[in-house]
Amino acid sequence: ESLPELTSWISRVMDESSFLYEIILVDDGSRDGSWEL
């Protein structure tokens, strides 16, 4: 539920500060479809 808002929020902050960045999402065995998302 939270991943779309979180990644969008991080990207907005990074773009406002002109950072070159990466978001590394480590799926620790989720069963709710997090990896597909």
PDB file of all heavy atoms in Angstrom:
ATOM      1  N   GLU A   1       0.819  -1.219   0.000  1.00  0.00           N
ATOM      2  CA  GLU A   1       0.000   0.000   0.000  1.00  0.00           C
ATOM      3  C   GLU A   1       0.852   1.268   0.000  1.00  0.00           C
ATOM      4  O   GLU A   1       0.463   2.289  -0.578  1.00  0.00           O
ATOM      5  CB  GLU A   1      -0.937   0.032   1.216  1.00  0.00           C
ATOM      6  CG  GLU A   1      -1.922  -1.121   1.290  1.00  0.00           C
ATOM      7  CD  GLU A   1      -1.412  -2.247   2.172  1.00  0.00           C
ATOM      8  OE1 GLU A   1      -0.189  -2.286   2.425  1.00  0.00           O
ATOM      9  OE2 GLU A   1      -2.231  -3.083   2.598  1.00  0.00           O
ATOM     10  N   SER A   2       2.011   1.216   0.657  1.00  0.00           N
ATOM     11  CA  SER A   2       2.784   2.447   0.860  1.00  0.00           C
ATOM     12  C   SER A   2       3.840   2.695  -0.220  1.00  0.00           C
ATOM     13  O   SER A   2       4.327   3.822  -0.350  1.00  0.00           O
ATOM     14  CB  SER A   2       3.463   2.402   2.227  1.00  0.00           C
ATOM     15  OG  SER A   2       4.349   1.308   2.312  1.00  0.00           O
ATOM     16  N   LEU A   3       4.212   1.690  -0.989  1.00  0.00           N
ATOM     17  CA  LEU A   3       5.326   1.838  -1.929  1.00  0.00           C
ATOM     18  C   LEU A   3       5.102   2.918  -2.995  1.00  0.00           C
ATOM     19  O   LEU A   3       6.026   3.686  -3.285  1.00  0.00           O
ATOM     20  CB  LEU A   3       5.638   0.496  -2.592  1.00  0.00           C
ATOM     21  CG  LEU A   3       6.363  -0.517  -1.708  1.00  0.00           C
ATOM     22  CD1 LEU A   3       6.561  -1.834  -2.460  1.00  0.00           C
ATOM     23  CD2 LEU A   3       7.717   0.029  -1.250  1.00  0.00           C
ATOM     24  N   PRO A   4       3.933   3.010  -3.643  1.00  0.00           N
ATOM     25  CA  PRO A   4       3.766   4.071  -4.649  1.00  0.00           C
ATOM     26  C   PRO A   4       3.981   5.467  -4.088  1.00  0.00           C
ATOM     27  O   PRO A   4       4.691   6.289  -4.684  1.00  0.00           O
ATOM     28  CB  PRO A   4       2.317   3.870  -5.131  1.00  0.00           C
ATOM     29  CG  PRO A   4       2.030   2.438  -4.855  1.00  0.00           C
ATOM     30  CD  PRO A   4       2.751   2.127  -3.579  1.00  0.00           C
ATOM     31  N   GLU A   5       3.391   5.752  -2.926  1.00  0.00           N
ATOM     32  CA  GLU A   5       3.539   7.082  -2.322  1.00  0.00           C
ATOM     33  C   GLU A   5       4.978   7.327  -1.880  1.00  0.00           C
ATOM     34  O   GLU A   5       5.521   8.422  -2.061  1.00  0.00           O
ATOM     35  CB  GLU A   5       2.591   7.223  -1.135  1.00  0.00           C
ATOM     36  CG  GLU A   5       2.637   8.593  -0.474  1.00  0.00           C
ATOM     37  CD  GLU A   5       1.634   8.746   0.641  1.00  0.00           C
ATOM     38  OE1 GLU A   5       0.699   7.915   0.729  1.00  0.00           O
ATOM     39  OE2 GLU A   5       1.776   9.706   1.440  1.00  0.00           O
ATOM     40  N   LEU A   6       5.620   6.287  -1.307  1.00  0.00           N
ATOM     41  CA  LEU A   6       6.988   6.445  -0.817  1.00  0.00           C
ATOM     42  C   LEU A   6       7.957   6.742  -1.957  1.00  0.00           C
ATOM     43  O   LEU A   6       8.753   7.687  -1.876  1.00  0.00           O
ATOM     44  CB  LEU A   6       7.430   5.174  -0.080  1.00  0.00           C
ATOM     45  CG  LEU A   6       8.885   5.170   0.410  1.00  0.00           C
ATOM     46  CD1 LEU A   6       9.090   6.245   1.472  1.00  0.00           C
ATOM     47  CD2 LEU A   6       9.269   3.795   0.948  1.00  0.00           C
ATOM     48  N   THR A   7       7.915   5.946  -3.013  1.00  0.00           N
ATOM     49  CA  THR A   7       8.859   6.158  -4.123  1.00  0.00           C
ATOM     50  C   THR A   7       8.611   7.489  -4.820  1.00  0.00           C
ATOM     51  O   THR A   7       9.554   8.169  -5.224  1.00  0.00           O
ATOM     52  CB  THR A   7       8.765   5.009  -5.135  1.00  0.00           C
ATOM     53  OG1 THR A   7       7.395   4.835  -5.560  1.00  0.00           O
ATOM     54  CG2 THR A   7       9.249   3.697  -4.519  1.00  0.00           C
ATOM     55  N   SER A   8       7.339   7.875  -4.942  1.00  0.00           N
ATOM     56  CA  SER A   8       7.012   9.172  -5.554  1.00  0.00           C
ATOM     57  C   SER A   8       7.526  10.317  -4.690  1.00  0.00           C
ATOM     58  O   SER A   8       8.074  11.310  -5.204  1.00  0.00           O
ATOM     59  CB  SER A   8       5.498   9.275  -5.732  1.00  0.00           C
ATOM     60  OG  SER A   8       5.131  10.556  -6.184  1.00  0.00           O
ATOM     61  N   TRP A   9       7.393  10.173  -3.391  1.00  0.00           N
ATOM     62  CA  TRP A   9       7.850  11.201  -2.447  1.00  0.00           C
ATOM     63  C   TRP A   9       9.368  11.340  -2.505  1.00  0.00           C
ATOM     64  O   TRP A   9       9.907  12.447  -2.570  1.00  0.00           O
ATOM     65  CB  TRP A   9       7.381  10.804  -1.048  1.00  0.00           C
ATOM     66  CG  TRP A   9       7.504  11.866   0.003  1.00  0.00           C
ATOM     67  CD1 TRP A   9       8.075  13.102  -0.127  1.00  0.00           C
ATOM     68  CD2 TRP A   9       7.042  11.777   1.356  1.00  0.00           C
ATOM     69  NE1 TRP A   9       8.007  13.785   1.065  1.00  0.00           N
ATOM     70  CE2 TRP A   9       7.372  13.002   1.995  1.00  0.00           C
ATOM     71  CE3 TRP A   9       6.385  10.792   2.091  1.00  0.00           C
ATOM     72  CZ2 TRP A   9       7.065  13.241   3.332  1.00  0.00           C
ATOM     73  CZ3 TRP A   9       6.071  11.039   3.417  1.00  0.00           C
ATOM     74  CH2 TRP A   9       6.418  12.254   4.032  1.00  0.00           C
ATOM     75  N   ILE A  10      10.071  10.214  -2.497  1.00  0.00           N
ATOM     76  CA  ILE A  10      11.536  10.256  -2.579  1.00  0.00           C
ATOM     77  C   ILE A  10      11.988  10.922  -3.868  1.00  0.00           C
ATOM     78  O   ILE A  10      12.886  11.789  -3.862  1.00  0.00           O
ATOM     79  CB  ILE A  10      12.119   8.829  -2.477  1.00  0.00           C
ATOM     80  CG1 ILE A  10      11.865   8.238  -1.081  1.00  0.00           C
ATOM     81  CG2 ILE A  10      13.621   8.844  -2.769  1.00  0.00           C
ATOM     82  CD1 ILE A  10      12.266   6.777  -0.965  1.00  0.00           C
ATOM     83  N   SER A  11      11.383  10.538  -4.979  1.00  0.00           N
ATOM     84  CA  SER A  11      11.778  11.104  -6.278  1.00  0.00           C
ATOM     85  C   SER A  11      11.532  12.603  -6.329  1.00  0.00           C
ATOM     86  O   SER A  11      12.343  13.362  -6.886  1.00  0.00           O
ATOM     87  CB  SER A  11      11.010  10.399  -7.405  1.00  0.00           C
ATOM     88  OG  SER A  11      11.400   9.043  -7.491  1.00  0.00           O
ATOM     89  N   ARG A  12      10.425  13.051  -5.746  1.00  0.00           N
ATOM     90  CA  ARG A  12      10.134  14.497  -5.739  1.00  0.00           C
ATOM     91  C   ARG A  12      11.203  15.266  -4.975  1.00  0.00           C
ATOM     92  O   ARG A  12      11.702  16.297  -5.433  1.00  0.00           O
ATOM     93  CB  ARG A  12       8.756  14.745  -5.138  1.00  0.00           C
ATOM     94  CG  ARG A  12       8.424  16.226  -4.985  1.00  0.00           C
ATOM     95  CD  ARG A  12       7.024  16.431  -4.424  1.00  0.00           C
ATOM     96  NE  ARG A  12       6.828  15.793  -3.132  1.00  0.00           N
ATOM     97  CZ  ARG A  12       7.253  16.297  -1.978  1.00  0.00           C
ATOM     98  NH1 ARG A  12       7.948  17.442  -1.960  1.00  0.00           N
ATOM     99  NH2 ARG A  12       7.009  15.672  -0.850  1.00  0.00           N
ATOM    100  N   VAL A  13      11.585  14.746  -3.810  1.00  0.00           N
ATOM    101  CA  VAL A  13      12.609  15.405  -2.993  1.00  0.00           C
ATOM    102  C   VAL A  13      13.946  15.421  -3.730  1.00  0.00           C
ATOM    103  O   VAL A  13      14.665  16.439  -3.734  1.00  0.00           O
ATOM    104  CB  VAL A  13      12.752  14.689  -1.632  1.00  0.00           C
ATOM    105  CG1 VAL A  13      13.954  15.222  -0.869  1.00  0.00           C
ATOM    106  CG2 VAL A  13      11.480  14.858  -0.808  1.00  0.00           C
ATOM    107  N   MET A  14      14.290  14.317  -4.373  1.00  0.00           N
ATOM    108  CA  MET A  14      15.560  14.230  -5.097  1.00  0.00           C
ATOM    109  C   MET A  14      15.598  15.197  -6.279  1.00  0.00           C
ATOM    110  O   MET A  14      16.611  15.872  -6.521  1.00  0.00           O
ATOM    111  CB  MET A  14      15.782  12.803  -5.599  1.00  0.00           C
ATOM    112  CG  MET A  14      15.939  11.778  -4.496  1.00  0.00           C
ATOM    113  SD  MET A  14      17.416  12.075  -3.510  1.00  0.00           S
ATOM    114  CE  MET A  14      17.429  10.596  -2.497  1.00  0.00           C
ATOM    115  N   ASP A  15      14.504  15.256  -7.009  1.00  0.00           N
ATOM    116  CA  ASP A  15      14.455  16.152  -8.176  1.00  0.00           C
ATOM    117  C   ASP A  15      14.527  17.616  -7.765  1.00  0.00           C
ATOM    118  O   ASP A  15      15.171  18.434  -8.435  1.00  0.00           O
ATOM    119  CB  ASP A  15      13.171  15.894  -8.970  1.00  0.00           C
ATOM    120  CG  ASP A  15      13.168  14.530  -9.639  1.00  0.00           C
ATOM    121  OD1 ASP A  15      14.276  13.959  -9.814  1.00  0.00           O
ATOM    122  OD2 ASP A  15      12.078  14.018  -9.967  1.00  0.00           O
ATOM    123  N   GLU A  16      13.883  17.960  -6.647  1.00  0.00           N
ATOM    124  CA  GLU A  16      13.916  19.349  -6.173  1.00  0.00           C
ATOM    125  C   GLU A  16      15.333  19.770  -5.788  1.00  0.00           C
ATOM    126  O   GLU A  16      15.690  20.951  -5.913  1.00  0.00           O
ATOM    127  CB  GLU A  16      12.978  19.506  -4.962  1.00  0.00           C
ATOM    128  CG  GLU A  16      11.496  19.435  -5.323  1.00  0.00           C
ATOM    129  CD  GLU A  16      10.605  19.460  -4.093  1.00  0.00           C
ATOM    130  OE1 GLU A  16      11.166  19.414  -2.961  1.00  0.00           O
ATOM    131  OE2 GLU A  16       9.367  19.525  -4.247  1.00  0.00           O
ATOM    132  N   SER A  17      16.152  18.820  -5.329  1.00  0.00           N
ATOM    133  CA  SER A  17      17.524  19.126  -4.914  1.00  0.00           C
ATOM    134  C   SER A  17      18.546  18.788  -5.991  1.00  0.00           C
ATOM    135  O   SER A  17      19.755  18.935  -5.763  1.00  0.00           O
ATOM    136  CB  SER A  17      17.858  18.365  -3.627  1.00  0.00           C
ATOM    137  OG  SER A  17      16.984  18.720  -2.578  1.00  0.00           O
ATOM    138  N   SER A  18      18.068  18.318  -7.144  1.00  0.00           N
ATOM    139  CA  SER A  18      18.936  17.980  -8.288  1.00  0.00           C
ATOM    140  C   SER A  18      19.981  16.921  -7.918  1.00  0.00           C
ATOM    141  O   SER A  18      21.147  17.003  -8.320  1.00  0.00           O
ATOM    142  CB  SER A  18      19.625  19.242  -8.821  1.00  0.00           C
ATOM    143  OG  SER A  18      18.678  20.192  -9.246  1.00  0.00           O
ATOM    144  N   PHE A  19      19.554  15.907  -7.166  1.00  0.00           N
ATOM    145  CA  PHE A  19      20.444  14.814  -6.819  1.00  0.00           C
ATOM    146  C   PHE A  19      20.407  13.739  -7.893  1.00  0.00           C
ATOM    147  O   PHE A  19      19.366  13.473  -8.497  1.00  0.00           O
ATOM    148  CB  PHE A  19      20.027  14.169  -5.487  1.00  0.00           C
ATOM    149  CG  PHE A  19      20.304  15.005  -4.273  1.00  0.00           C
ATOM    150  CD1 PHE A  19      19.322  15.206  -3.304  1.00  0.00           C
ATOM    151  CD2 PHE A  19      21.552  15.594  -4.067  1.00  0.00           C
ATOM    152  CE1 PHE A  19      19.569  15.966  -2.174  1.00  0.00           C
ATOM    153  CE2 PHE A  19      21.812  16.360  -2.937  1.00  0.00           C
ATOM    154  CZ  PHE A  19      20.813  16.551  -1.994  1.00  0.00           C
ATOM    155  N   LEU A  20      21.562  13.130  -8.136  1.00  0.00           N
ATOM    156  CA  LEU A  20      21.610  11.899  -8.912  1.00  0.00           C
ATOM    157  C   LEU A  20      21.498  10.765  -7.904  1.00  0.00           C
ATOM    158  O   LEU A  20      22.300  10.683  -6.971  1.00  0.00           O
ATOM    159  CB  LEU A  20      22.915  11.790  -9.700  1.00  0.00           C
ATOM    160  CG  LEU A  20      23.062  10.552 -10.592  1.00  0.00           C
ATOM    161  CD1 LEU A  20      21.976  10.519 -11.645  1.00  0.00           C
ATOM    162  CD2 LEU A  20      24.437  10.532 -11.240  1.00  0.00           C
ATOM    163  N   TYR A  21      20.523   9.876  -8.084  1.00  0.00           N
ATOM    164  CA  TYR A  21      20.191   8.955  -7.004  1.00  0.00           C
ATOM    165  C   TYR A  21      19.722   7.599  -7.534  1.00  0.00           C
ATOM    166  O   TYR A  21      19.499   7.405  -8.728  1.00  0.00           O
ATOM    167  CB  TYR A  21      19.096   9.556  -6.131  1.00  0.00           C
ATOM    168  CG  TYR A  21      17.740   9.659  -6.823  1.00  0.00           C
ATOM    169  CD1 TYR A  21      16.757   8.703  -6.595  1.00  0.00           C
ATOM    170  CD2 TYR A  21      17.459  10.702  -7.698  1.00  0.00           C
ATOM    171  CE1 TYR A  21      15.527   8.781  -7.228  1.00  0.00           C
ATOM    172  CE2 TYR A  21      16.230  10.790  -8.329  1.00  0.00           C
ATOM    173  CZ  TYR A  21      15.258   9.829  -8.092  1.00  0.00           C
ATOM    174  OH  TYR A  21      14.052   9.907  -8.721  1.00  0.00           O
ATOM    175  N   GLU A  22      19.561   6.690  -6.585  1.00  0.00           N
ATOM    176  CA  GLU A  22      18.944   5.398  -6.854  1.00  0.00           C
ATOM    177  C   GLU A  22      18.113   5.013  -5.637  1.00  0.00           C
ATOM    178  O   GLU A  22      18.443   5.374  -4.507  1.00  0.00           O
ATOM    179  CB  GLU A  22      20.001   4.316  -7.133  1.00  0.00           C
ATOM    180  CG  GLU A  22      20.948   4.064  -5.970  1.00  0.00           C
ATOM    181  CD  GLU A  22      22.014   3.023  -6.278  1.00  0.00           C
ATOM    182  OE1 GLU A  22      21.953   2.416  -7.360  1.00  0.00           O
ATOM    183  OE2 GLU A  22      22.907   2.825  -5.419  1.00  0.00           O
ATOM    184  N   ILE A  23      17.015   4.320  -5.875  1.00  0.00           N
ATOM    185  CA  ILE A  23      16.178   3.794  -4.798  1.00  0.00           C
ATOM    186  C   ILE A  23      16.274   2.276  -4.862  1.00  0.00           C
ATOM    187  O   ILE A  23      15.810   1.664  -5.826  1.00  0.00           O
ATOM    188  CB  ILE A  23      14.709   4.239  -4.944  1.00  0.00           C
ATOM    189  CG1 ILE A  23      14.605   5.760  -5.041  1.00  0.00           C
ATOM    190  CG2 ILE A  23      13.876   3.703  -3.780  1.00  0.00           C
ATOM    191  CD1 ILE A  23      13.192   6.252  -5.354  1.00  0.00           C
ATOM    192  N   ILE A  24      16.891   1.681  -3.845  1.00  0.00           N
ATOM    193  CA  ILE A  24      17.079   0.230  -3.818  1.00  0.00           C
ATOM    194  C   ILE A  24      16.028  -0.365  -2.887  1.00  0.00           C
ATOM    195  O   ILE A  24      16.089  -0.198  -1.664  1.00  0.00           O
ATOM    196  CB  ILE A  24      18.494  -0.147  -3.343  1.00  0.00           C
ATOM    197  CG1 ILE A  24      19.540   0.503  -4.248  1.00  0.00           C
ATOM    198  CG2 ILE A  24      18.670  -1.655  -3.306  1.00  0.00           C
ATOM    199  CD1 ILE A  24      20.974   0.301  -3.775  1.00  0.00           C
ATOM    200  N   LEU A  25      15.047  -1.040  -3.474  1.00  0.00           N
ATOM    201  CA  LEU A  25      13.983  -1.676  -2.706  1.00  0.00           C
ATOM    202  C   LEU A  25      14.324  -3.157  -2.544  1.00  0.00           C
ATOM    203  O   LEU A  25      14.389  -3.898  -3.532  1.00  0.00           O
ATOM    204  CB  LEU A  25      12.643  -1.512  -3.423  1.00  0.00           C
ATOM    205  CG  LEU A  25      12.214  -0.067  -3.718  1.00  0.00           C
ATOM    206  CD1 LEU A  25      10.938  -0.043  -4.544  1.00  0.00           C
ATOM    207  CD2 LEU A  25      12.029   0.716  -2.424  1.00  0.00           C
ATOM    208  N   VAL A  26      14.553  -3.583  -1.319  1.00  0.00           N
ATOM    209  CA  VAL A  26      14.920  -4.969  -1.041  1.00  0.00           C
ATOM    210  C   VAL A  26      13.691  -5.680  -0.497  1.00  0.00           C
ATOM    211  O   VAL A  26      13.280  -5.454   0.648  1.00  0.00           O
ATOM    212  CB  VAL A  26      16.085  -5.065  -0.037  1.00  0.00           C
ATOM    213  CG1 VAL A  26      16.505  -6.523   0.149  1.00  0.00           C
ATOM    214  CG2 VAL A  26      17.265  -4.221  -0.499  1.00  0.00           C
ATOM    215  N   ASP A  27      13.086  -6.532  -1.331  1.00  0.00           N
ATOM    216  CA  ASP A  27      11.879  -7.258  -0.947  1.00  0.00           C
ATOM    217  C   ASP A  27      12.270  -8.465  -0.102  1.00  0.00           C
ATOM    218  O   ASP A  27      12.828  -9.443  -0.598  1.00  0.00           O
ATOM    219  CB  ASP A  27      11.128  -7.704  -2.206  1.00  0.00           C
ATOM    220  CG  ASP A  27       9.805  -8.372  -1.879  1.00  0.00           C
ATOM    221  OD1 ASP A  27       9.533  -8.602  -0.687  1.00  0.00           O
ATOM    222  OD2 ASP A  27       9.041  -8.679  -2.818  1.00  0.00           O
ATOM    223  N   ASP A  28      11.947  -8.386   1.181  1.00  0.00           N
ATOM    224  CA  ASP A  28      12.353  -9.411   2.139  1.00  0.00           C
ATOM    225  C   ASP A  28      11.301 -10.520   2.242  1.00  0.00           C
ATOM    226  O   ASP A  28      10.763 -10.790   3.310  1.00  0.00           O
ATOM    227  CB  ASP A  28      12.592  -8.756   3.504  1.00  0.00           C
ATOM    228  CG  ASP A  28      13.171  -9.717   4.527  1.00  0.00           C
ATOM    229  OD1 ASP A  28      13.791 -10.713   4.119  1.00  0.00           O
ATOM    230  OD2 ASP A  28      12.987  -9.469   5.731  1.00  0.00           O
ATOM    231  N   GLY A  29      11.013 -11.153   1.094  1.00  0.00           N
ATOM    232  CA  GLY A  29      10.073 -12.281   1.091  1.00  0.00           C
ATOM    233  C   GLY A  29       8.623 -11.878   1.258  1.00  0.00           C
ATOM    234  O   GLY A  29       7.842 -12.613   1.884  1.00  0.00           O
ATOM    235  N   SER A  30       8.224 -10.742   0.695  1.00  0.00           N
ATOM    236  CA  SER A  30       6.828 -10.296   0.810  1.00  0.00           C
ATOM    237  C   SER A  30       5.879 -11.275   0.122  1.00  0.00           C
ATOM    238  O   SER A  30       6.233 -11.908  -0.881  1.00  0.00           O
ATOM    239  CB  SER A  30       6.664  -8.905   0.183  1.00  0.00           C
ATOM    240  OG  SER A  30       7.436  -7.949   0.862  1.00  0.00           O
ATOM    241  N   ARG A  31       4.662 -11.350   0.651  1.00  0.00           N
ATOM    242  CA  ARG A  31       3.647 -12.245   0.082  1.00  0.00           C
ATOM    243  C   ARG A  31       2.401 -11.504  -0.375  1.00  0.00           C
ATOM    244  O   ARG A  31       1.395 -12.127  -0.711  1.00  0.00           O
ATOM    245  CB  ARG A  31       3.251 -13.307   1.122  1.00  0.00           C
ATOM    246  CG  ARG A  31       4.410 -14.207   1.542  1.00  0.00           C
ATOM    247  CD  ARG A  31       3.950 -15.234   2.557  1.00  0.00           C
ATOM    248  NE  ARG A  31       5.042 -16.115   2.972  1.00  0.00           N
ATOM    249  CZ  ARG A  31       4.922 -17.099   3.855  1.00  0.00           C
ATOM    250  NH1 ARG A  31       3.744 -17.316   4.428  1.00  0.00           N
ATOM    251  NH2 ARG A  31       5.961 -17.848   4.184  1.00  0.00           N
ATOM    252  N   ASP A  32       2.460 -10.180  -0.357  1.00  0.00           N
ATOM    253  CA  ASP A  32       1.265  -9.395  -0.680  1.00  0.00           C
ATOM    254  C   ASP A  32       1.327  -8.774  -2.071  1.00  0.00           C
ATOM    255  O   ASP A  32       0.519  -7.909  -2.400  1.00  0.00           O
ATOM    256  CB  ASP A  32       1.077  -8.288   0.356  1.00  0.00           C
ATOM    257  CG  ASP A  32       2.200  -7.256   0.336  1.00  0.00           C
ATOM    258  OD1 ASP A  32       3.258  -7.547  -0.273  1.00  0.00           O
ATOM    259  OD2 ASP A  32       2.025  -6.155   0.907  1.00  0.00           O
ATOM    260  N   GLY A  33       2.300  -9.198  -2.884  1.00  0.00           N
ATOM    261  CA  GLY A  33       2.418  -8.635  -4.227  1.00  0.00           C
ATOM    262  C   GLY A  33       3.343  -7.440  -4.308  1.00  0.00           C
ATOM    263  O   GLY A  33       3.357  -6.731  -5.322  1.00  0.00           O
ATOM    264  N   SER A  34       4.137  -7.201  -3.264  1.00  0.00           N
ATOM    265  CA  SER A  34       5.044  -6.046  -3.266  1.00  0.00           C
ATOM    266  C   SER A  34       6.044  -6.120  -4.415  1.00  0.00           C
ATOM    267  O   SER A  34       6.358  -5.103  -5.040  1.00  0.00           O
ATOM    268  CB  SER A  34       5.798  -5.966  -1.930  1.00  0.00           C
ATOM    269  OG  SER A  34       4.939  -5.632  -0.873  1.00  0.00           O
ATOM    270  N   TRP A  35       6.560  -7.325  -4.709  1.00  0.00           N
ATOM    271  CA  TRP A  35       7.567  -7.437  -5.771  1.00  0.00           C
ATOM    272  C   TRP A  35       6.961  -7.121  -7.137  1.00  0.00           C
ATOM    273  O   TRP A  35       7.587  -6.439  -7.954  1.00  0.00           O
ATOM    274  CB  TRP A  35       8.185  -8.831  -5.788  1.00  0.00           C
ATOM    275  CG  TRP A  35       9.216  -8.979  -6.872  1.00  0.00           C
ATOM    276  CD1 TRP A  35       9.129  -9.716  -8.014  1.00  0.00           C
ATOM    277  CD2 TRP A  35      10.495  -8.322  -6.931  1.00  0.00           C
ATOM    278  NE1 TRP A  35      10.257  -9.573  -8.780  1.00  0.00           N
ATOM    279  CE2 TRP A  35      11.112  -8.722  -8.131  1.00  0.00           C
ATOM    280  CE3 TRP A  35      11.161  -7.433  -6.082  1.00  0.00           C
ATOM    281  CZ2 TRP A  35      12.381  -8.268  -8.498  1.00  0.00           C
ATOM    282  CZ3 TRP A  35      12.414  -6.981  -6.452  1.00  0.00           C
ATOM    283  CH2 TRP A  35      13.004  -7.407  -7.644  1.00  0.00           C
ATOM    284  N   GLU A  36       5.763  -7.599  -7.387  1.00  0.00           N
ATOM    285  CA  GLU A  36       5.109  -7.297  -8.653  1.00  0.00           C
ATOM    286  C   GLU A  36       4.897  -5.785  -8.801  1.00  0.00           C
ATOM    287  O   GLU A  36       5.061  -5.231  -9.904  1.00  0.00           O
ATOM    288  CB  GLU A  36       3.764  -8.035  -8.735  1.00  0.00           C
ATOM    289  CG  GLU A  36       3.875  -9.542  -8.906  1.00  0.00           C
ATOM    290  CD  GLU A  36       4.325 -10.259  -7.653  1.00  0.00           C
ATOM    291  OE1 GLU A  36       4.217  -9.666  -6.552  1.00  0.00           O
ATOM    292  OE2 GLU A  36       4.791 -11.407  -7.758  1.00  0.00           O
ATOM    293  N   LEU A  37       4.577  -5.134  -7.691  1.00  0.00           N
ATOM    294  CA  LEU A  37       4.411  -3.680  -7.728  1.00  0.00           C
ATOM    295  C   LEU A  37       5.749  -2.994  -7.986  1.00  0.00           C
ATOM    296  O   LEU A  37       5.816  -2.008  -8.746  1.00  0.00           O
ATOM    297  CB  LEU A  37       3.814  -3.191  -6.406  1.00  0.00           C
ATOM    298  CG  LEU A  37       3.661  -1.674  -6.278  1.00  0.00           C
ATOM    299  CD1 LEU A  37       2.747  -1.117  -7.363  1.00  0.00           C
ATOM    300  CD2 LEU A  37       3.122  -1.299  -4.887  1.00  0.00           C
TER     301      LEU A  37
END
